[in-house]
């Protein structure tokens, strides 16, 4: 998971506090100081860290916690979690697009060149089309960078989203206005995403161009796209762009591989600009809605049940089926073949990096498939399956794969024989687990994070396969987890 070092340091500090025989002022100070050092090492601004430190100490009033050591630990833990969430949550965005709105909502993207702005425009439009049923369109008003329109055209075509741009018009204001006017008059379009020019560095020409395009198109929302690798330098950038255009939200990109992501998130929050999405990979679906509560819960190993269930239900694969639907079909069929295992691997990959899933539900995925090394192992297994015949993929007889066939698959996939044997053993283990899963129906709930009533919990219990439910400690363990999540909100 991104920010693993920061997460480990904060969890370590909280664990040492919880394991202390007596929780006194010294234990509290040591815990807070260790958390502060971890935040500073993650490139969080000193002013922000100092505020976090003071706020935690003021919240945890030792004089008022004389009713037991356990309560002290709980209050300190809650104070740390609440303060980290407050640090990353400046509020809601100034505008949220509405499906079916006429005229269409206009969202303008600004940012420096190299921050991933053009790709993020496509991700943003695709996210709203795929998860919320919008009919988006893209406008490329970036006339400064050669190839910007071709890049947007290629990605938009891949995502199946209409687009507009020009190879001959060099006035970004004219392109933006023409594109917005075209799609505003198009039947069914309810979201127009405008990509603007960037520069290698922040300069007056960029900020002036940003202001002109904003004045001409009058967007409902201006989104600032920022590279997570710049860390706390995001504070000055976000401030400068807010002065040139009415920035109402921020998207932080490249959060899948940089330790300065925590510094970038906190710096943006310090400007009172809400982060609405995080870029978590290179592919178009790799855009994750940002929620401070869920982010901190996953960072501290508390899990993010709602985020996991959203991924299971919402993200479709190439066949327009969610991972949940694929899993449900595999359970109903009863025969967990090698082809079924490949389908399951594809479904898991569509849900994002394994590290994200592991952080959402601790213990969900075995160590054998943990983090990006597990992703590489899954891809190798799928390559081996591509070298198999239809009879081998769909067969249920384990004796079908004799040594001769194993050797042939190894040669065809370019992998060692031992890896093919390992893959077959993994299939056998998964088949045994799948045979024990019950047939389930998706709970009819609009939002799982609001599960509080007993009947809702029963629906959720029925929807989770027994091996996964056991990871929570059964029904009562799941109830306790939901109560804890509610108490920490």
Protein backbone atom coordinates (compact mmCIF):
# COMPACT_ATOMS: atom_id res chain seq x y z
CA UNK A 1 0.00 0.00 0.00
CA UNK A 2 1.12 3.56 -0.70
CA UNK A 3 2.53 5.33 2.39
CA UNK A 4 3.34 1.95 3.95
CA UNK A 5 6.20 3.41 5.99
CA UNK A 6 3.98 6.15 7.43
CA UNK A 7 1.24 3.63 8.21
CA UNK A 8 3.70 1.29 9.92
CA UNK A 9 5.15 4.08 12.08
CA UNK A 10 1.77 5.38 13.24
CA UNK A 11 0.41 1.87 13.92
CA UNK A 12 3.61 1.06 15.81
CA UNK A 13 3.23 4.14 18.01
CA UNK A 14 -0.40 3.29 18.78
CA UNK A 15 0.46 -0.36 19.51
CA UNK A 16 3.19 0.63 21.97
CA UNK A 17 0.77 2.99 23.69
CA UNK A 18 -1.88 0.24 23.94
CA UNK A 19 0.66 -2.24 25.33
CA UNK A 20 1.91 0.12 28.04
CA UNK A 21 1.16 -1.08 31.57
CA UNK A 22 0.23 2.42 32.72
CA UNK A 23 -1.00 5.09 30.29
CA UNK A 24 0.30 8.34 31.76
CA UNK A 25 1.50 11.69 30.41
CA UNK A 26 4.87 10.21 29.38
CA UNK A 27 3.20 7.44 27.34
CA UNK A 28 0.92 9.98 25.67
CA UNK A 29 3.82 12.33 24.87
CA UNK A 30 5.93 9.51 23.47
CA UNK A 31 3.06 8.34 21.29
CA UNK A 32 2.30 11.83 19.96
CA UNK A 33 5.99 12.61 19.37
CA UNK A 34 6.48 9.38 17.45
CA UNK A 35 3.44 10.11 15.28
CA UNK A 36 4.74 13.64 14.67
CA UNK A 37 8.13 12.32 13.54
CA UNK A 38 6.40 9.89 11.18
CA UNK A 39 4.34 12.70 9.64
CA UNK A 40 7.41 14.90 9.19
CA UNK A 41 9.28 12.04 7.52
CA UNK A 42 6.31 11.66 5.14
CA UNK A 43 6.87 15.32 4.13
CA UNK A 44 3.85 16.73 5.95
CA UNK A 45 4.22 20.48 6.59
CA UNK A 46 5.69 21.41 9.98
CA UNK A 47 2.83 23.82 10.72
CA UNK A 48 0.30 21.03 10.10
CA UNK A 49 2.19 18.55 12.29
CA UNK A 50 2.44 21.06 15.11
CA UNK A 51 -1.31 21.64 14.92
CA UNK A 52 -2.00 17.89 14.97
CA UNK A 53 0.25 17.44 17.99
CA UNK A 54 -1.41 20.23 19.96
CA UNK A 55 -4.92 19.13 19.06
CA UNK A 56 -4.36 15.51 20.14
CA UNK A 57 -2.95 16.59 23.50
CA UNK A 58 -5.79 19.00 24.14
CA UNK A 59 -8.40 16.37 23.22
CA UNK A 60 -6.89 13.76 25.50
CA UNK A 61 -7.42 15.45 28.83
CA UNK A 62 -5.70 13.16 31.29
CA UNK A 63 -7.52 14.71 34.21
CA UNK A 64 -10.87 13.60 32.75
CA UNK A 65 -9.75 10.03 32.09
CA UNK A 66 -9.48 8.67 35.60
CA UNK A 67 -11.94 5.83 35.09
CA UNK A 68 -9.53 3.19 33.79
CA UNK A 69 -6.52 2.39 31.65
CA UNK A 70 -8.59 0.79 28.90
CA UNK A 71 -10.64 3.94 28.46
CA UNK A 72 -7.45 6.04 28.25
CA UNK A 73 -6.10 3.90 25.48
CA UNK A 74 -9.38 4.08 23.57
CA UNK A 75 -9.65 7.85 23.92
CA UNK A 76 -6.06 8.41 22.78
CA UNK A 77 -6.56 6.09 19.82
CA UNK A 78 -9.78 7.87 18.83
CA UNK A 79 -8.15 11.27 19.20
CA UNK A 80 -5.30 10.29 16.86
CA UNK A 81 -7.69 8.85 14.26
CA UNK A 82 -10.00 11.88 14.44
CA UNK A 83 -7.12 14.35 14.13
CA UNK A 84 -5.61 12.58 11.12
CA UNK A 85 -9.02 12.67 9.44
CA UNK A 86 -9.42 16.34 10.26
CA UNK A 87 -5.97 17.06 8.84
CA UNK A 88 -6.98 15.53 5.50
CA UNK A 89 -10.58 16.75 5.30
CA UNK A 90 -11.11 20.46 4.54
CA UNK A 91 -14.75 19.94 3.60
CA UNK A 92 -16.89 19.16 0.58
CA UNK A 93 -16.24 20.36 -3.01
CA UNK A 94 -18.03 23.50 -4.13
CA UNK A 95 -19.97 21.60 -6.80
CA UNK A 96 -20.94 17.99 -7.52
CA UNK A 97 -22.16 17.01 -11.03
CA UNK A 98 -25.75 15.81 -11.30
CA UNK A 99 -26.79 13.04 -13.67
CA UNK A 100 -29.18 14.16 -16.42
CA UNK A 101 -28.61 17.87 -15.80
CA UNK A 102 -29.50 20.21 -18.66
CA UNK A 103 -27.54 22.15 -19.67
CA UNK A 104 -24.63 19.82 -19.00
CA UNK A 105 -22.28 20.42 -16.06
CA UNK A 106 -18.89 21.80 -17.09
CA UNK A 107 -15.79 20.68 -15.15
CA UNK A 108 -12.48 22.32 -16.06
CA UNK A 109 -9.12 20.72 -15.22
CA UNK A 110 -6.00 22.79 -14.49
CA UNK A 111 -2.47 21.91 -13.36
CA UNK A 112 1.20 21.74 -14.30
CA UNK A 113 2.45 19.73 -17.27
CA UNK A 114 3.49 16.24 -16.24
CA UNK A 115 1.00 15.90 -13.40
CA UNK A 116 -1.18 13.47 -15.39
CA UNK A 117 -3.89 16.02 -16.11
CA UNK A 118 -4.98 14.76 -19.56
CA UNK A 119 -5.17 11.13 -18.44
CA UNK A 120 -7.04 12.18 -15.29
CA UNK A 121 -9.64 14.02 -17.40
CA UNK A 122 -10.45 10.74 -19.15
CA UNK A 123 -10.41 8.83 -15.85
CA UNK A 124 -12.80 11.35 -14.30
CA UNK A 125 -15.24 11.19 -17.24
CA UNK A 126 -15.02 7.38 -17.35
CA UNK A 127 -15.59 7.10 -13.57
CA UNK A 128 -18.84 9.06 -13.80
CA UNK A 129 -19.98 7.12 -16.87
CA UNK A 130 -19.11 3.73 -15.43
CA UNK A 131 -20.23 4.10 -11.82
CA UNK A 132 -22.96 6.75 -11.92
CA UNK A 133 -24.48 6.43 -15.38
CA UNK A 134 -23.44 9.85 -16.72
CA UNK A 135 -23.09 10.64 -20.44
CA UNK A 136 -19.81 12.60 -20.43
CA UNK A 137 -17.81 14.31 -23.17
CA UNK A 138 -14.21 15.54 -23.33
CA UNK A 139 -12.80 18.80 -24.71
CA UNK A 140 -9.06 19.20 -25.31
CA UNK A 141 -8.18 22.89 -24.87
CA UNK A 142 -4.48 22.10 -24.37
CA UNK A 143 -2.91 23.73 -27.42
CA UNK A 144 0.49 24.25 -25.74
CA UNK A 145 1.75 20.66 -25.58
CA UNK A 146 2.30 18.83 -28.85
CA UNK A 147 0.42 15.57 -28.83
CA UNK A 148 -2.01 16.54 -26.08
CA UNK A 149 -5.05 16.20 -28.36
CA UNK A 150 -3.80 12.89 -29.77
CA UNK A 151 -3.32 11.54 -26.24
CA UNK A 152 -6.81 12.56 -25.16
CA UNK A 153 -8.27 11.23 -28.43
CA UNK A 154 -6.62 7.85 -27.95
CA UNK A 155 -7.73 7.47 -24.32
CA UNK A 156 -11.24 8.78 -24.98
CA UNK A 157 -11.67 6.34 -27.87
CA UNK A 158 -10.50 3.50 -25.65
CA UNK A 159 -13.00 4.50 -22.96
CA UNK A 160 -15.81 5.05 -25.48
CA UNK A 161 -16.30 8.73 -24.61
CA UNK A 162 -16.99 11.44 -27.27
CA UNK A 163 -14.34 14.16 -27.55
CA UNK A 164 -13.52 17.45 -29.26
CA UNK A 165 -10.25 19.14 -30.17
CA UNK A 166 -8.34 20.73 -33.04
CA UNK A 167 -4.95 20.29 -34.72
CA UNK A 168 -5.16 23.70 -36.42
CA UNK A 169 -6.64 26.09 -33.85
CA UNK A 170 -4.02 27.42 -31.42
CA UNK A 171 -6.25 29.63 -29.28
CA UNK A 172 -7.17 27.53 -26.19
CA UNK A 173 -10.07 29.82 -25.36
CA UNK A 174 -11.64 29.34 -28.80
CA UNK A 175 -11.21 25.54 -28.65
CA UNK A 176 -12.69 25.39 -25.15
CA UNK A 177 -15.70 27.53 -26.05
CA UNK A 178 -16.39 25.66 -29.31
CA UNK A 179 -16.15 22.30 -27.57
CA UNK A 180 -18.40 23.27 -24.67
CA UNK A 181 -21.00 24.82 -27.01
CA UNK A 182 -21.01 21.70 -29.18
CA UNK A 183 -21.65 19.26 -26.36
CA UNK A 184 -24.06 21.53 -24.49
CA UNK A 185 -26.37 21.30 -27.49
CA UNK A 186 -25.94 17.57 -27.89
CA UNK A 187 -28.84 15.47 -26.66
CA UNK A 188 -28.09 13.29 -23.66
CA UNK A 189 -24.73 14.80 -22.67
CA UNK A 190 -24.79 15.84 -19.01
CA UNK A 191 -21.08 16.25 -18.13
CA UNK A 192 -18.42 18.14 -20.12
CA UNK A 193 -14.79 17.77 -18.98
CA UNK A 194 -12.39 20.44 -20.29
CA UNK A 195 -8.64 19.74 -20.36
CA UNK A 196 -6.44 22.87 -20.34
CA UNK A 197 -2.79 23.61 -21.02
CA UNK A 198 -0.02 23.06 -18.51
CA UNK A 199 3.60 24.18 -18.16
CA UNK A 200 6.77 22.59 -16.84
CA UNK A 201 6.70 25.13 -14.07
CA UNK A 202 4.30 27.60 -12.56
CA UNK A 203 4.44 30.89 -14.46
CA UNK A 204 2.35 33.97 -15.16
CA UNK A 205 1.44 32.85 -18.72
CA UNK A 206 -0.10 29.60 -17.46
CA UNK A 207 -2.09 31.29 -14.71
CA UNK A 208 -3.35 33.97 -17.11
CA UNK A 209 -4.42 31.37 -19.68
CA UNK A 210 -6.19 29.43 -16.93
CA UNK A 211 -8.09 32.56 -15.94
CA UNK A 212 -9.10 33.33 -19.56
CA UNK A 213 -10.44 29.82 -20.24
CA UNK A 214 -12.35 29.86 -16.96
CA UNK A 215 -13.90 33.24 -17.78
CA UNK A 216 -14.92 32.07 -21.26
CA UNK A 217 -16.41 28.69 -20.36
CA UNK A 218 -17.75 29.56 -16.91
CA UNK A 219 -17.26 26.05 -15.52
CA UNK A 220 -19.38 24.75 -12.65
CA UNK A 221 -16.26 23.24 -11.07
CA UNK A 222 -12.52 23.84 -11.53
CA UNK A 223 -10.38 20.83 -10.58
CA UNK A 224 -6.68 21.22 -9.82
CA UNK A 225 -4.65 18.11 -10.73
CA UNK A 226 -1.50 17.67 -8.67
CA UNK A 227 1.37 15.18 -8.66
CA UNK A 228 1.74 13.47 -5.27
CA UNK A 229 5.54 13.37 -5.60
CA UNK A 230 5.88 17.12 -4.93
CA UNK A 231 4.86 16.63 -1.29
CA UNK A 232 4.34 19.76 0.78
CA UNK A 233 5.24 21.99 -2.20
CA UNK A 234 1.61 21.36 -3.16
CA UNK A 235 0.62 24.09 -0.70
CA UNK A 236 2.10 26.92 -2.81
CA UNK A 237 0.87 25.42 -6.07
CA UNK A 238 -2.69 24.99 -4.85
CA UNK A 239 -2.70 28.52 -3.45
CA UNK A 240 -1.44 30.02 -6.73
CA UNK A 241 -4.01 28.23 -8.87
CA UNK A 242 -6.81 29.19 -6.49
CA UNK A 243 -5.86 32.85 -6.99
CA UNK A 244 -6.06 32.56 -10.81
CA UNK A 245 -9.20 30.40 -11.04
CA UNK A 246 -11.99 29.41 -8.63
CA UNK A 247 -10.53 25.98 -7.81
CA UNK A 248 -13.22 23.99 -6.04
CA UNK A 249 -11.60 20.56 -5.80
CA UNK A 250 -8.29 18.73 -6.17
CA UNK A 251 -7.28 15.36 -7.64
CA UNK A 252 -3.94 13.95 -6.45
CA UNK A 253 -2.26 11.68 -9.00
CA UNK A 254 0.48 9.03 -8.73
CA UNK A 255 -0.60 7.98 -5.23
CA UNK A 256 0.30 4.37 -6.05
CA UNK A 257 4.02 4.76 -5.68
CA UNK A 258 5.26 7.76 -3.73
CA UNK A 259 5.93 8.24 -0.03
CA UNK A 260 5.30 12.00 -0.28
CA UNK A 261 1.62 11.39 -0.93
CA UNK A 262 0.77 12.11 2.70
CA UNK A 263 2.54 15.45 2.50
CA UNK A 264 0.71 16.32 -0.71
CA UNK A 265 -2.70 15.42 0.72
CA UNK A 266 -2.16 17.37 3.92
CA UNK A 267 -0.73 20.37 2.06
CA UNK A 268 -3.73 20.56 -0.23
CA UNK A 269 -6.08 20.24 2.74
CA UNK A 270 -4.26 23.14 4.41
CA UNK A 271 -5.38 25.37 1.51
CA UNK A 272 -9.00 24.36 2.30
CA UNK A 273 -9.26 22.65 -1.10
CA UNK A 274 -11.08 19.30 -0.86
CA UNK A 275 -9.44 16.27 -2.48
CA UNK A 276 -12.12 14.37 -4.42
CA UNK A 277 -10.10 11.62 -6.14
CA UNK A 278 -6.74 9.87 -6.03
CA UNK A 279 -4.97 8.47 -9.06
CA UNK A 280 -3.83 4.95 -8.11
CA UNK A 281 -2.39 3.62 -11.37
CA UNK A 282 -1.82 4.11 -15.08
CA UNK A 283 -5.00 2.53 -16.41
CA UNK A 284 -8.27 4.39 -16.98
CA UNK A 285 -10.20 2.68 -14.12
CA UNK A 286 -7.38 3.53 -11.66
CA UNK A 287 -9.16 6.47 -10.07
CA UNK A 288 -10.43 6.18 -6.51
CA UNK A 289 -12.87 8.52 -4.79
CA UNK A 290 -11.11 10.08 -1.81
CA UNK A 291 -12.71 10.01 1.61
CA UNK A 292 -10.60 11.07 4.60
CA UNK A 293 -12.38 8.68 6.97
CA UNK A 294 -11.80 5.63 4.74
CA UNK A 295 -8.23 6.66 3.87
CA UNK A 296 -7.17 6.97 7.51
CA UNK A 297 -8.95 3.72 8.44
CA UNK A 298 -7.00 1.85 5.80
CA UNK A 299 -3.78 3.65 6.70
CA UNK A 300 -4.06 2.49 10.31
CA UNK A 301 -5.12 -1.06 9.45
CA UNK A 302 -8.74 -0.57 10.58
CA UNK A 303 -10.09 -1.65 7.20
CA UNK A 304 -12.59 -0.01 4.88
CA UNK A 305 -15.59 -2.30 4.54
CA UNK A 306 -17.69 0.19 2.58
CA UNK A 307 -14.92 0.83 0.06
CA UNK A 308 -14.41 -2.88 -0.47
CA UNK A 309 -18.12 -3.57 -1.03
CA UNK A 310 -18.31 -0.62 -3.45
CA UNK A 311 -15.49 -2.14 -5.49
CA UNK A 312 -17.12 -5.56 -5.53
CA UNK A 313 -20.48 -4.21 -6.67
CA UNK A 314 -19.54 -1.31 -8.95
CA UNK A 315 -16.37 -1.98 -10.94
CA UNK A 316 -17.24 -4.12 -14.00
CA UNK A 317 -14.88 -6.22 -16.08
CA UNK A 318 -14.71 -6.37 -19.88
CA UNK A 319 -17.92 -8.41 -19.95
CA UNK A 320 -19.79 -5.74 -17.96
CA UNK A 321 -20.02 -7.97 -14.90
CA UNK A 322 -18.89 -6.97 -11.45
CA UNK A 323 -16.46 -9.18 -9.48
CA UNK A 324 -19.38 -10.01 -7.17
CA UNK A 325 -21.46 -11.26 -10.11
CA UNK A 326 -18.57 -13.37 -11.40
CA UNK A 327 -17.99 -14.86 -7.95
CA UNK A 328 -21.72 -15.56 -7.63
CA UNK A 329 -21.76 -17.33 -11.01
CA UNK A 330 -18.74 -19.44 -10.12
CA UNK A 331 -20.37 -20.51 -6.85
CA UNK A 332 -23.63 -21.45 -8.60
CA UNK A 333 -21.86 -23.52 -11.23
CA UNK A 334 -20.25 -25.63 -8.55
CA UNK A 335 -17.32 -26.63 -10.78
CA UNK A 336 -14.37 -24.38 -10.07
CA UNK A 337 -12.27 -25.02 -13.17
CA UNK A 338 -8.99 -23.42 -14.18
CA UNK A 339 -10.97 -21.13 -16.49
CA UNK A 340 -13.05 -20.07 -13.50
CA UNK A 341 -9.86 -19.30 -11.56
CA UNK A 342 -8.69 -17.13 -14.46
CA UNK A 343 -12.00 -15.25 -14.42
CA UNK A 344 -11.63 -14.67 -10.70
CA UNK A 345 -8.09 -13.33 -11.17
CA UNK A 346 -9.38 -10.94 -13.84
CA UNK A 347 -12.11 -9.75 -11.49
CA UNK A 348 -9.65 -9.12 -8.66
CA UNK A 349 -7.35 -7.18 -11.01
CA UNK A 350 -10.28 -4.98 -12.10
CA UNK A 351 -10.74 -3.95 -8.46
CA UNK A 352 -7.33 -2.28 -8.33
CA UNK A 353 -3.96 -3.12 -6.73
CA UNK A 354 -4.04 -5.97 -4.23
CA UNK A 355 -2.47 -3.69 -1.65
CA UNK A 356 -5.65 -1.59 -1.69
CA UNK A 357 -7.86 -4.64 -1.16
CA UNK A 358 -5.63 -5.90 1.65
CA UNK A 359 -5.85 -2.50 3.37
CA UNK A 360 -9.65 -2.44 2.96
CA UNK A 361 -10.18 -5.88 4.51
CA UNK A 362 -7.15 -7.01 6.54
CA UNK A 363 -6.71 -10.77 6.17
CA UNK A 364 -8.94 -11.01 3.08
CA UNK A 365 -6.16 -12.15 0.75
CA UNK A 366 -3.54 -14.70 1.76
CA UNK A 367 0.11 -13.73 2.02
CA UNK A 368 0.72 -15.64 -1.19
CA UNK A 369 -1.09 -12.91 -3.15
CA UNK A 370 -0.13 -9.88 -1.07
CA UNK A 371 0.84 -6.51 -2.58
CA UNK A 372 2.18 -6.05 -6.12
CA UNK A 373 4.25 -9.26 -6.00
CA UNK A 374 0.92 -11.08 -5.82
CA UNK A 375 -0.25 -9.17 -8.89
CA UNK A 376 2.82 -10.39 -10.79
CA UNK A 377 2.17 -13.97 -9.64
CA UNK A 378 -1.45 -13.77 -10.82
CA UNK A 379 -0.30 -12.53 -14.24
CA UNK A 380 2.17 -15.42 -14.51
CA UNK A 381 -0.56 -17.89 -13.63
CA UNK A 382 -2.85 -16.37 -16.27
CA UNK A 383 -0.04 -16.62 -18.85
CA UNK A 384 0.30 -20.33 -18.06
CA UNK A 385 -3.45 -20.78 -18.46
CA UNK A 386 -3.24 -19.14 -21.89
CA UNK A 387 -0.97 -22.03 -22.91
CA UNK A 388 -3.61 -24.61 -21.98
CA UNK A 389 -6.22 -26.22 -24.17
CA UNK A 390 -9.96 -25.66 -23.70
CA UNK A 391 -10.25 -29.20 -22.35
CA UNK A 392 -7.62 -28.51 -19.70
CA UNK A 393 -9.18 -25.17 -18.71
CA UNK A 394 -12.70 -26.56 -18.45
CA UNK A 395 -11.83 -30.00 -17.13
CA UNK A 396 -12.70 -31.06 -13.59
CA UNK A 397 -10.51 -34.16 -13.48
CA UNK A 398 -7.31 -33.35 -11.59
CA UNK A 399 -5.58 -36.35 -13.20
CA UNK A 400 -6.01 -34.70 -16.60
CA UNK A 401 -2.88 -32.60 -16.01
CA UNK A 402 -0.20 -35.30 -16.10
CA UNK A 403 3.54 -34.62 -16.16
CA UNK A 404 3.64 -34.52 -19.95
CA UNK A 405 0.94 -31.83 -20.11
CA UNK A 406 2.58 -29.86 -17.31
CA UNK A 407 5.88 -29.86 -19.21
CA UNK A 408 4.10 -28.68 -22.38
CA UNK A 409 2.38 -25.78 -20.54
CA UNK A 410 5.72 -24.76 -18.99
CA UNK A 411 7.39 -24.65 -22.41
CA UNK A 412 4.48 -22.78 -23.99
CA UNK A 413 4.37 -20.09 -21.29
CA UNK A 414 8.12 -19.83 -20.81
CA UNK A 415 7.82 -20.57 -17.09
CA UNK A 416 9.54 -23.23 -14.94
CA UNK A 417 7.73 -26.53 -14.39
CA UNK A 418 7.61 -25.90 -10.64
CA UNK A 419 5.55 -22.72 -11.23
CA UNK A 420 3.00 -24.67 -13.25
CA UNK A 421 2.75 -27.22 -10.44
CA UNK A 422 2.39 -24.33 -7.95
CA UNK A 423 -0.44 -22.88 -10.03
CA UNK A 424 -2.25 -26.22 -10.09
CA UNK A 425 -1.88 -26.54 -6.32
CA UNK A 426 -3.32 -23.03 -5.87
CA UNK A 427 -6.26 -23.97 -8.07
CA UNK A 428 -6.87 -27.07 -5.97
CA UNK A 429 -6.84 -24.98 -2.77
CA UNK A 430 -9.21 -22.37 -4.26
CA UNK A 431 -11.56 -25.07 -5.60
CA UNK A 432 -11.81 -26.59 -2.13
CA UNK A 433 -12.61 -23.16 -0.63
CA UNK A 434 -15.15 -22.33 -3.35
CA UNK A 435 -17.01 -25.61 -2.76
CA UNK A 436 -17.80 -24.40 0.76
CA UNK A 437 -19.17 -20.99 -0.25
CA UNK A 438 -22.94 -20.54 0.05
CA UNK A 439 -25.23 -19.21 -2.70
CA UNK A 440 -25.86 -15.60 -1.77
CA UNK A 441 -27.93 -12.67 -2.97
CA UNK A 442 -26.78 -9.10 -3.07
CA UNK A 443 -28.29 -7.07 -0.20
CA UNK A 444 -30.73 -4.41 -1.31
CA UNK A 445 -29.10 -1.44 0.35
CA UNK A 446 -28.29 1.84 -1.31
CA UNK A 447 -25.22 2.53 0.82
CA UNK A 448 -23.45 -0.07 2.89
CA UNK A 449 -21.56 2.49 5.04
CA UNK A 450 -24.87 3.31 6.75
CA UNK A 451 -25.48 -0.28 7.92
CA UNK A 452 -26.69 0.11 11.50
CA UNK A 453 -30.02 -1.67 11.85
CA UNK A 454 -29.98 -5.38 12.82
CA UNK A 455 -31.83 -6.40 9.65
CA UNK A 456 -29.21 -4.59 7.51
CA UNK A 457 -26.42 -6.40 9.32
CA UNK A 458 -28.18 -9.71 8.68
CA UNK A 459 -28.36 -8.85 4.96
CA UNK A 460 -24.65 -8.07 4.96
CA UNK A 461 -23.83 -11.27 6.83
CA UNK A 462 -25.76 -13.28 4.25
CA UNK A 463 -23.93 -11.55 1.40
CA UNK A 464 -20.41 -12.35 2.65
CA UNK A 465 -19.02 -15.84 1.98
CA UNK A 466 -18.34 -17.78 5.17
CA UNK A 467 -14.51 -17.88 4.83
CA UNK A 468 -14.49 -14.08 4.54
CA UNK A 469 -17.00 -13.71 7.38
CA UNK A 470 -14.70 -15.79 9.56
CA UNK A 471 -11.97 -13.20 9.01
CA UNK A 472 -14.19 -10.74 10.93
CA UNK A 473 -14.85 -13.19 13.75
CA UNK A 474 -18.31 -14.20 12.53
CA UNK A 475 -21.52 -12.19 12.69
CA UNK A 476 -20.76 -10.65 16.08
CA UNK A 477 -17.24 -9.71 15.02
CA UNK A 478 -18.68 -7.93 11.98
CA UNK A 479 -21.20 -6.12 14.17
CA UNK A 480 -18.39 -4.93 16.44
CA UNK A 481 -16.39 -3.72 13.42
CA UNK A 482 -19.34 -1.70 12.11
CA UNK A 483 -19.92 -0.19 15.57
CA UNK A 484 -16.24 0.76 15.80
CA UNK A 485 -16.34 2.39 12.38
CA UNK A 486 -19.39 4.35 13.44
CA UNK A 487 -17.81 5.37 16.74
CA UNK A 488 -14.68 6.63 14.99
CA UNK A 489 -16.58 8.69 12.43
